[in-house]
C-alpha atoms as a PDB file:
ATOM      1  CA  MET A   1      21.030 -20.397  13.039  1.00  0.00           C
ATOM      2  CA  THR A   2      22.619 -17.550  11.111  1.00  0.00           C
ATOM      3  CA  PRO A   3      20.274 -16.158   8.414  1.00  0.00           C
ATOM      4  CA  PRO A   4      21.545 -16.351   4.824  1.00  0.00           C
ATOM      5  CA  ARG A   5      23.381 -13.296   3.545  1.00  0.00           C
ATOM      6  CA  VAL A   6      22.156 -11.115   0.713  1.00  0.00           C
ATOM      7  CA  THR A   7      23.929 -11.978  -2.532  1.00  0.00           C
ATOM      8  CA  PHE A   8      23.655 -10.022  -5.729  1.00  0.00           C
ATOM      9  CA  ALA A   9      24.292 -11.087  -9.273  1.00  0.00           C
ATOM     10  CA  PRO A  10      25.993  -8.538 -11.507  1.00  0.00           C
ATOM     11  CA  GLY A  11      23.591  -6.318 -13.383  1.00  0.00           C
ATOM     12  CA  PRO A  12      23.494  -3.005 -15.205  1.00  0.00           C
ATOM     13  CA  SER A  13      22.510   0.088 -13.269  1.00  0.00           C
ATOM     14  CA  PRO A  14      19.119   1.628 -14.025  1.00  0.00           C
ATOM     15  CA  THR A  15      19.030   5.260 -15.075  1.00  0.00           C
ATOM     16  CA  GLN A  16      18.225   7.617 -12.223  1.00  0.00           C
ATOM     17  CA  LYS A  17      15.845  10.085 -13.825  1.00  0.00           C
ATOM     18  CA  THR A  18      15.830  12.689 -11.075  1.00  0.00           C
ATOM     19  CA  LEU A  19      18.602  15.190 -10.457  1.00  0.00           C
ATOM     20  CA  GLN A  20      18.187  14.708  -6.718  1.00  0.00           C
ATOM     21  CA  PRO A  21      19.677  11.496  -5.255  1.00  0.00           C
ATOM     22  CA  LEU A  22      17.254   8.894  -4.005  1.00  0.00           C
ATOM     23  CA  ARG A  23      17.906   8.624  -0.281  1.00  0.00           C
ATOM     24  CA  PHE A  24      17.381   5.228   1.329  1.00  0.00           C
ATOM     25  CA  ALA A  25      17.714   3.733   4.797  1.00  0.00           C
ATOM     26  CA  VAL A  26      18.259   0.034   5.518  1.00  0.00           C
ATOM     27  CA  LEU A  27      16.608  -2.056   8.217  1.00  0.00           C
ATOM     28  CA  ALA A  28      18.002  -5.603   8.282  1.00  0.00           C
ATOM     29  CA  THR A  29      17.759  -8.527  10.676  1.00  0.00           C
ATOM     30  CA  ASP A  30      21.490  -9.120  10.112  1.00  0.00           C
ATOM     31  CA  ARG A  31      24.220  -6.464  10.221  1.00  0.00           C
ATOM     32  CA  LEU A  32      26.111  -7.990   7.296  1.00  0.00           C
ATOM     33  CA  ASP A  33      22.967  -7.828   5.143  1.00  0.00           C
ATOM     34  CA  GLU A  34      22.557  -4.201   6.159  1.00  0.00           C
ATOM     35  CA  ALA A  35      26.121  -3.367   5.137  1.00  0.00           C
ATOM     36  CA  ALA A  36      25.844  -5.329   1.871  1.00  0.00           C
ATOM     37  CA  VAL A  37      22.715  -3.499   0.736  1.00  0.00           C
ATOM     38  CA  GLY A  38      24.101  -0.143   1.818  1.00  0.00           C
ATOM     39  CA  ASN A  39      27.365  -0.619  -0.048  1.00  0.00           C
ATOM     40  CA  LEU A  40      25.620  -1.953  -3.124  1.00  0.00           C
ATOM     41  CA  LEU A  41      23.191   0.925  -3.509  1.00  0.00           C
ATOM     42  CA  GLU A  42      25.741   3.586  -2.615  1.00  0.00           C
ATOM     43  CA  ASN A  43      27.723   2.399  -5.634  1.00  0.00           C
ATOM     44  CA  GLN A  44      24.727   2.976  -7.896  1.00  0.00           C
ATOM     45  CA  PRO A  45      24.482   6.422  -9.511  1.00  0.00           C
ATOM     46  CA  GLY A  46      21.837   8.601  -7.909  1.00  0.00           C
ATOM     47  CA  PHE A  47      21.481   6.768  -4.572  1.00  0.00           C
ATOM     48  CA  ARG A  48      22.484   7.945  -1.115  1.00  0.00           C
ATOM     49  CA  ASN A  49      22.471   5.946   2.125  1.00  0.00           C
ATOM     50  CA  GLN A  50      20.887   7.423   5.256  1.00  0.00           C
ATOM     51  CA  PRO A  51      21.334   5.897   8.703  1.00  0.00           C
ATOM     52  CA  LEU A  52      18.134   4.774  10.403  1.00  0.00           C
ATOM     53  CA  ASN A  53      18.394   7.597  12.927  1.00  0.00           C
ATOM     54  CA  ARG A  54      18.042   9.978   9.963  1.00  0.00           C
ATOM     55  CA  LEU A  55      15.031   8.186   8.481  1.00  0.00           C
ATOM     56  CA  ALA A  56      13.198  11.501   8.264  1.00  0.00           C
ATOM     57  CA  HIS A  57      15.605  12.431   5.450  1.00  0.00           C
ATOM     58  CA  ALA A  58      15.104   9.176   3.508  1.00  0.00           C
ATOM     59  CA  ASP A  59      12.786   8.571   0.541  1.00  0.00           C
ATOM     60  CA  VAL A  60      12.566   4.767   0.898  1.00  0.00           C
ATOM     61  CA  LEU A  61      13.085   2.246   3.686  1.00  0.00           C
ATOM     62  CA  VAL A  62      14.745  -0.993   2.535  1.00  0.00           C
ATOM     63  CA  VAL A  63      13.962  -3.997   4.732  1.00  0.00           C
ATOM     64  CA  VAL A  64      16.081  -7.154   4.468  1.00  0.00           C
ATOM     65  CA  ALA A  65      14.820 -10.211   6.350  1.00  0.00           C
ATOM     66  CA  PRO A  66      14.307 -13.958   5.867  1.00  0.00           C
ATOM     67  CA  ALA A  67      10.531 -13.413   5.862  1.00  0.00           C
ATOM     68  CA  LEU A  68       7.834 -10.867   6.586  1.00  0.00           C
ATOM     69  CA  THR A  69       6.816 -11.650  10.164  1.00  0.00           C
ATOM     70  CA  GLY A  70       4.970  -9.900  12.931  1.00  0.00           C
ATOM     71  CA  VAL A  71       8.291  -9.030  14.572  1.00  0.00           C
ATOM     72  CA  VAL A  72       9.568  -7.398  11.360  1.00  0.00           C
ATOM     73  CA  LEU A  73       6.347  -5.424  10.949  1.00  0.00           C
ATOM     74  CA  ARG A  74       6.552  -4.164  14.535  1.00  0.00           C
ATOM     75  CA  ARG A  75      10.103  -2.957  13.909  1.00  0.00           C
ATOM     76  CA  ILE A  76       8.958  -1.152  10.771  1.00  0.00           C
ATOM     77  CA  ARG A  77       6.098   0.528  12.616  1.00  0.00           C
ATOM     78  CA  THR A  78       8.359   1.534  15.484  1.00  0.00           C
ATOM     79  CA  ILE A  79      10.985   3.267  13.387  1.00  0.00           C
ATOM     80  CA  THR A  80       8.494   4.853  10.956  1.00  0.00           C
ATOM     81  CA  GLU A  81       6.092   6.069  13.638  1.00  0.00           C
ATOM     82  CA  GLY A  82       4.744   9.465  12.682  1.00  0.00           C
ATOM     83  CA  ARG A  83       6.226   9.313   9.183  1.00  0.00           C
ATOM     84  CA  SER A  84       4.798   7.925   5.959  1.00  0.00           C
ATOM     85  CA  ILE A  85       7.559   6.293   3.910  1.00  0.00           C
ATOM     86  CA  PRO A  86       7.385   3.582   1.222  1.00  0.00           C
ATOM     87  CA  VAL A  87       8.989   0.265   2.149  1.00  0.00           C
ATOM     88  CA  ALA A  88      10.820  -2.086  -0.225  1.00  0.00           C
ATOM     89  CA  ALA A  89      11.705  -5.526   1.130  1.00  0.00           C
ATOM     90  CA  VAL A  90      14.174  -8.271   0.190  1.00  0.00           C
ATOM     91  CA  LEU A  91      12.827 -11.587   1.513  1.00  0.00           C
ATOM     92  CA  ASP A  92      13.497 -15.306   1.262  1.00  0.00           C
ATOM     93  CA  HIS A  93       9.787 -16.127   1.462  1.00  0.00           C
ATOM     94  CA  VAL A  94       6.469 -14.493   2.316  1.00  0.00           C
ATOM     95  CA  GLY A  95       6.275 -15.249   6.016  1.00  0.00           C
ATOM     96  CA  ASP A  96       3.262 -15.356   8.288  1.00  0.00           C
ATOM     97  CA  ALA A  97       2.570 -11.650   8.734  1.00  0.00           C
ATOM     98  CA  ASP A  98      -0.759 -10.073   7.809  1.00  0.00           C
ATOM     99  CA  LEU A  99      -0.089  -8.549   4.380  1.00  0.00           C
ATOM    100  CA  LEU A 100      -2.812  -5.947   4.894  1.00  0.00           C
ATOM    101  CA  ALA A 101      -0.919  -4.838   7.989  1.00  0.00           C
ATOM    102  CA  GLY A 102       2.243  -4.775   5.888  1.00  0.00           C
ATOM    103  CA  VAL A 103       0.671  -2.508   3.293  1.00  0.00           C
ATOM    104  CA  GLU A 104      -0.639  -0.293   6.099  1.00  0.00           C
ATOM    105  CA  ALA A 105       2.937  -0.084   7.421  1.00  0.00           C
ATOM    106  CA  GLY A 106       4.135   1.123   4.025  1.00  0.00           C
ATOM    107  CA  LEU A 107       5.109  -2.081   2.178  1.00  0.00           C
ATOM    108  CA  ARG A 108       5.025  -1.321  -1.541  1.00  0.00           C
ATOM    109  CA  GLY A 109       7.526  -3.662  -3.188  1.00  0.00           C
ATOM    110  CA  VAL A 110       9.219  -7.023  -2.623  1.00  0.00           C
ATOM    111  CA  LEU A 111      12.109  -8.874  -4.232  1.00  0.00           C
ATOM    112  CA  TRP A 112      12.963 -12.499  -3.458  1.00  0.00           C
ATOM    113  CA  ARG A 113      16.529 -12.744  -2.200  1.00  0.00           C
ATOM    114  CA  LYS A 114      17.549 -15.413  -4.716  1.00  0.00           C
ATOM    115  CA  GLN A 115      16.380 -13.205  -7.597  1.00  0.00           C
ATOM    116  CA  THR A 116      17.884  -9.966  -6.341  1.00  0.00           C
ATOM    117  CA  ASN A 117      20.660  -8.194  -8.161  1.00  0.00           C
ATOM    118  CA  ALA A 118      21.885  -4.611  -8.198  1.00  0.00           C
ATOM    119  CA  ALA A 119      19.759  -3.476 -11.104  1.00  0.00           C
ATOM    120  CA  ARG A 120      16.527  -5.053  -9.824  1.00  0.00           C
ATOM    121  CA  LEU A 121      16.906  -3.619  -6.344  1.00  0.00           C
ATOM    122  CA  ALA A 122      17.710  -0.135  -7.618  1.00  0.00           C
ATOM    123  CA  THR A 123      14.762  -0.287 -10.017  1.00  0.00           C
ATOM    124  CA  LEU A 124      12.436  -1.403  -7.212  1.00  0.00           C
ATOM    125  CA  LEU A 125      13.465   1.557  -5.062  1.00  0.00           C
ATOM    126  CA  LEU A 126      12.846   3.966  -7.911  1.00  0.00           C
ATOM    127  CA  SER A 127       9.389   2.433  -8.454  1.00  0.00           C
ATOM    128  CA  VAL A 128       8.168   2.522  -4.854  1.00  0.00           C
ATOM    129  CA  SER A 129       9.592   6.006  -4.277  1.00  0.00           C
ATOM    130  CA  SER A 130       7.486   7.274  -7.191  1.00  0.00           C
ATOM    131  CA  GLY A 131       4.295   5.813  -5.721  1.00  0.00           C
ATOM    132  CA  GLU A 132       4.157   2.543  -7.639  1.00  0.00           C
ATOM    133  CA  SER A 133       3.769  -0.943  -6.173  1.00  0.00           C
ATOM    134  CA  ASP A 134       5.588  -4.119  -7.175  1.00  0.00           C
ATOM    135  CA  LEU A 135       4.615  -7.252  -5.255  1.00  0.00           C
ATOM    136  CA  PRO A 136       5.214 -10.870  -6.365  1.00  0.00           C
ATOM    137  CA  THR A 137       2.158 -12.706  -7.692  1.00  0.00           C
ATOM    138  CA  VAL A 138       1.947 -14.976  -4.655  1.00  0.00           C
ATOM    139  CA  MET A 139       1.756 -11.946  -2.353  1.00  0.00           C
ATOM    140  CA  GLN A 140      -0.845 -10.241  -4.531  1.00  0.00           C
ATOM    141  CA  SER A 141      -3.007 -13.378  -4.398  1.00  0.00           C
ATOM    142  CA  ARG A 142      -2.713 -13.628  -0.617  1.00  0.00           C
ATOM    143  CA  LEU A 143      -3.466  -9.941  -0.229  1.00  0.00           C
ATOM    144  CA  LEU A 144      -6.655 -10.316  -2.264  1.00  0.00           C
ATOM    145  CA  GLN A 145      -7.659 -13.300  -0.121  1.00  0.00           C
ATOM    146  CA  GLU A 146      -7.079 -11.295   3.052  1.00  0.00           C
ATOM    147  CA  LEU A 147      -9.241  -8.489   1.656  1.00  0.00           C
ATOM    148  CA  ALA A 148     -11.996 -10.976   0.839  1.00  0.00           C
ATOM    149  CA  ASP A 149     -11.792 -12.470   4.345  1.00  0.00           C
ATOM    150  CA  LEU A 150     -11.954  -8.973   5.858  1.00  0.00           C
ATOM    151  CA  GLN A 151     -15.016  -8.106   3.808  1.00  0.00           C
ATOM    152  CA  ARG A 152     -16.780 -11.363   4.681  1.00  0.00           C
ATOM    153  CA  SER A 153     -15.991 -11.574   8.396  1.00  0.00           C
ATOM    154  CA  VAL A 154     -15.685  -7.943   9.508  1.00  0.00           C
ATOM    155  CA  LEU A 155     -17.210  -5.452   7.091  1.00  0.00           C
ATOM    156  CA  ALA A 156     -20.246  -7.284   5.710  1.00  0.00           C
ATOM    157  CA  PRO A 157     -21.740  -8.121   9.157  1.00  0.00           C
ATOM    158  CA  ARG A 158     -21.592  -4.374   9.893  1.00  0.00           C
ATOM    159  CA  GLY A 159     -23.188  -3.381   6.607  1.00  0.00           C
ATOM    160  CA  ILE A 160     -19.952  -1.858   5.264  1.00  0.00           C
ATOM    161  CA  THR A 161     -18.550  -2.501   1.810  1.00  0.00           C
ATOM    162  CA  ALA A 162     -14.891  -2.806   0.825  1.00  0.00           C
ATOM    163  CA  SER A 163     -15.011   0.821  -0.367  1.00  0.00           C
ATOM    164  CA  GLY A 164     -15.637   1.904   3.228  1.00  0.00           C
ATOM    165  CA  LEU A 165     -19.210   2.920   2.411  1.00  0.00           C
ATOM    166  CA  GLU A 166     -22.273   1.515   4.066  1.00  0.00           C
ATOM    167  CA  ALA A 167     -24.301  -0.847   1.910  1.00  0.00           C
ATOM    168  CA  ARG A 168     -27.204   1.618   1.876  1.00  0.00           C
ATOM    169  CA  GLU A 169     -24.882   4.390   0.633  1.00  0.00           C
ATOM    170  CA  VAL A 170     -23.823   2.261  -2.320  1.00  0.00           C
ATOM    171  CA  GLN A 171     -27.472   1.401  -2.943  1.00  0.00           C
ATOM    172  CA  VAL A 172     -28.444   5.084  -3.039  1.00  0.00           C
ATOM    173  CA  LEU A 173     -25.540   5.903  -5.369  1.00  0.00           C
ATOM    174  CA  ALA A 174     -26.585   3.109  -7.745  1.00  0.00           C
ATOM    175  CA  LEU A 175     -30.172   4.383  -7.885  1.00  0.00           C
ATOM    176  CA  MET A 176     -28.940   7.944  -8.441  1.00  0.00           C
ATOM    177  CA  ALA A 177     -26.842   6.644 -11.328  1.00  0.00           C
ATOM    178  CA  ASP A 178     -30.044   5.108 -12.765  1.00  0.00           C
ATOM    179  CA  GLY A 179     -31.589   8.591 -12.745  1.00  0.00           C
ATOM    180  CA  LEU A 180     -34.002   8.193  -9.834  1.00  0.00           C
ATOM    181  CA  GLY A 181     -34.972  11.217  -7.759  1.00  0.00           C
ATOM    182  CA  THR A 182     -35.102  11.419  -3.965  1.00  0.00           C
ATOM    183  CA  SER A 183     -38.710  10.306  -3.622  1.00  0.00           C
ATOM    184  CA  GLU A 184     -38.231   7.426  -6.058  1.00  0.00           C
ATOM    185  CA  ILE A 185     -35.121   6.233  -4.220  1.00  0.00           C
ATOM    186  CA  ALA A 186     -36.924   6.446  -0.890  1.00  0.00           C
ATOM    187  CA  GLU A 187     -39.808   4.367  -2.248  1.00  0.00           C
ATOM    188  CA  ARG A 188     -37.466   1.809  -3.824  1.00  0.00           C
ATOM    189  CA  ILE A 189     -35.431   1.139  -0.659  1.00  0.00           C
ATOM    190  CA  THR A 190     -38.282   1.842   1.804  1.00  0.00           C
ATOM    191  CA  TYR A 191     -36.517   4.725   3.568  1.00  0.00           C
ATOM    192  CA  SER A 192     -37.937   8.143   4.294  1.00  0.00           C
ATOM    193  CA  GLU A 193     -37.048  10.970   1.906  1.00  0.00           C
ATOM    194  CA  ARG A 194     -35.306  12.726   4.791  1.00  0.00           C
ATOM    195  CA  THR A 195     -33.067   9.684   5.353  1.00  0.00           C
ATOM    196  CA  VAL A 196     -32.186   9.537   1.666  1.00  0.00           C
ATOM    197  CA  LYS A 197     -31.358  13.257   1.658  1.00  0.00           C
ATOM    198  CA  ASN A 198     -29.138  12.770   4.716  1.00  0.00           C
ATOM    199  CA  ILE A 199     -27.306   9.889   3.025  1.00  0.00           C
ATOM    200  CA  ILE A 200     -26.674  11.967  -0.100  1.00  0.00           C
ATOM    201  CA  SER A 201     -25.630  15.003   1.928  1.00  0.00           C
ATOM    202  CA  GLY A 202     -23.197  12.858   3.917  1.00  0.00           C
ATOM    203  CA  LEU A 203     -21.593  11.542   0.731  1.00  0.00           C
ATOM    204  CA  LEU A 204     -21.217  15.023  -0.749  1.00  0.00           C
ATOM    205  CA  THR A 205     -19.626  16.329   2.450  1.00  0.00           C
ATOM    206  CA  ARG A 206     -17.266  13.354   2.812  1.00  0.00           C
ATOM    207  CA  TRP A 207     -16.053  13.618  -0.779  1.00  0.00           C
ATOM    208  CA  ASN A 208     -16.118  17.432  -0.860  1.00  0.00           C
ATOM    209  CA  LEU A 209     -18.449  17.497  -3.882  1.00  0.00           C
ATOM    210  CA  ARG A 210     -21.113  20.003  -4.896  1.00  0.00           C
ATOM    211  CA  ASN A 211     -23.966  17.924  -6.295  1.00  0.00           C
ATOM    212  CA  ARG A 212     -25.369  14.485  -7.019  1.00  0.00           C
ATOM    213  CA  THR A 213     -23.982  14.362 -10.548  1.00  0.00           C
ATOM    214  CA  GLN A 214     -20.464  14.763  -9.187  1.00  0.00           C
ATOM    215  CA  ALA A 215     -21.142  12.075  -6.578  1.00  0.00           C
ATOM    216  CA  VAL A 216     -22.209   9.566  -9.238  1.00  0.00           C
ATOM    217  CA  ALA A 217     -19.226  10.466 -11.442  1.00  0.00           C
ATOM    218  CA  TYR A 218     -16.843  10.049  -8.504  1.00  0.00           C
ATOM    219  CA  ALA A 219     -18.336   6.674  -7.578  1.00  0.00           C
ATOM    220  CA  LEU A 220     -17.983   5.458 -11.165  1.00  0.00           C
ATOM    221  CA  ARG A 221     -14.369   6.634 -11.459  1.00  0.00           C
ATOM    222  CA  SER A 222     -13.505   5.056  -8.123  1.00  0.00           C
ATOM    223  CA  GLY A 223     -14.983   1.681  -9.058  1.00  0.00           C
ATOM    224  CA  ILE A 224     -17.627   1.871  -6.341  1.00  0.00           C
ATOM    225  CA  LEU A 225     -20.362   1.394  -8.942  1.00  0.00           C
END
């Protein structure tokens, strides 16, 4: 069965704020979709098409597919191997791929095919190329569920929190934020003072910080506490 083609409703062109053209490459499951997206964006001011074999010179990878599947993700990983590049996708529906794996592969923005027009696609590319993310609500909800499942089934049994810290590290940070000293923390969590000092030293080294005050401030800013 031939996949549906990309169709675009007329729309005004967004303003390209940079003097340098935004360079994009297209990966599509259908050659006609690839040509359609390439021609569309090349006609927008401030955009330049790059062939996939020159992906190293592109700022964004545009993926056009019926759905986000494991096969599509493997193709993305293969062609972006060794290079970090944001990915914007045009899809018919979500698909069965692991969204966490998609984000790891660079997925930053998605447009549904039926809602895609020239202006929306160009705006999406500008957003993801500047470091922003734009995912449909249904994908955000599924991504949060996958994160919760990961925390419950993989991280929690190993004593690791979603922040990547061990549960005892978060516990020590929380007690430091409450103003407790090393001996008080050790007594509260029934660890030796040496162990508490090692935990704090490990946090300072990992985050490249100088003292405990900075560690607490960093944890608060990062949402760890």
